[in-house]
């Protein structure tokens, strides 16, 4: 069991060496894009929620 675990870890390390990692510049750019998209979606959902709540309050009197 221990030998299988050690073999698994060694194989996992070898596979991670084959991975093509993004550079720092690409990671920062992707993070900024995702943050902007999250803000846009949050504003949209907030606006829809606000509008629907006003409509429901108007309908219920």
Protein backbone atom coordinates (compact mmCIF):
# COMPACT_ATOMS: atom_id res chain seq x y z
CA UNK A 1 0.00 0.00 0.00
CA UNK A 2 2.78 2.44 0.91
CA UNK A 3 4.75 1.53 -2.21
CA UNK A 4 1.69 2.19 -4.40
CA UNK A 5 1.26 5.58 -2.72
CA UNK A 6 4.90 6.48 -3.32
CA UNK A 7 4.63 5.38 -6.95
CA UNK A 8 1.48 7.48 -7.39
CA UNK A 9 3.22 10.58 -6.01
CA UNK A 10 6.24 10.04 -8.28
CA UNK A 11 3.99 9.66 -11.34
CA UNK A 12 2.00 12.75 -10.36
CA UNK A 13 5.21 14.79 -10.10
CA UNK A 14 6.31 13.57 -13.55
CA UNK A 15 2.97 14.55 -15.06
CA UNK A 16 3.13 18.01 -13.45
CA UNK A 17 6.53 18.55 -15.10
CA UNK A 18 4.81 18.09 -18.50
CA UNK A 19 2.19 20.77 -17.82
CA UNK A 20 2.47 24.02 -19.75
CA UNK A 21 1.99 26.68 -17.07
CA UNK A 22 0.86 30.20 -17.88
CA UNK A 23 3.23 33.08 -17.37
CA UNK A 24 2.74 35.74 -14.71
CA UNK A 25 1.56 38.30 -17.28
CA UNK A 26 -1.11 35.94 -18.65
CA UNK A 27 -2.33 35.02 -15.17
CA UNK A 28 -2.66 38.68 -14.15
CA UNK A 29 -4.50 39.53 -17.40
CA UNK A 30 -6.90 36.61 -16.95
CA UNK A 31 -7.54 37.58 -13.33
CA UNK A 32 -8.36 41.17 -14.30
CA UNK A 33 -10.77 40.00 -17.02
CA UNK A 34 -12.53 37.64 -14.61
CA UNK A 35 -12.78 40.34 -11.91
CA UNK A 36 -14.33 42.78 -14.42
CA UNK A 37 -16.81 40.14 -15.60
CA UNK A 38 -17.80 39.35 -12.01
CA UNK A 39 -18.44 43.04 -11.32
CA UNK A 40 -20.54 43.39 -14.50
CA UNK A 41 -22.61 40.30 -13.66
CA UNK A 42 -23.09 41.47 -10.06
CA UNK A 43 -24.33 44.87 -11.24
CA UNK A 44 -26.69 43.22 -13.72
CA UNK A 45 -28.13 40.82 -11.14
CA UNK A 46 -28.48 43.66 -8.63
CA UNK A 47 -30.33 45.81 -11.17
CA UNK A 48 -32.67 42.98 -12.15
CA UNK A 49 -33.36 42.22 -8.48
CA UNK A 50 -34.08 45.90 -7.76
CA UNK A 51 -36.43 46.24 -10.75
CA UNK A 52 -38.29 43.01 -10.00
CA UNK A 53 -38.72 43.94 -6.33
CA UNK A 54 -40.19 47.34 -7.35
CA UNK A 55 -42.58 45.61 -9.77
CA UNK A 56 -43.71 43.10 -7.14
CA UNK A 57 -44.22 45.85 -4.54
CA UNK A 58 -46.26 47.86 -7.09
CA UNK A 59 -48.39 44.81 -7.98
CA UNK A 60 -49.06 43.91 -4.33
CA UNK A 61 -49.89 47.50 -3.46
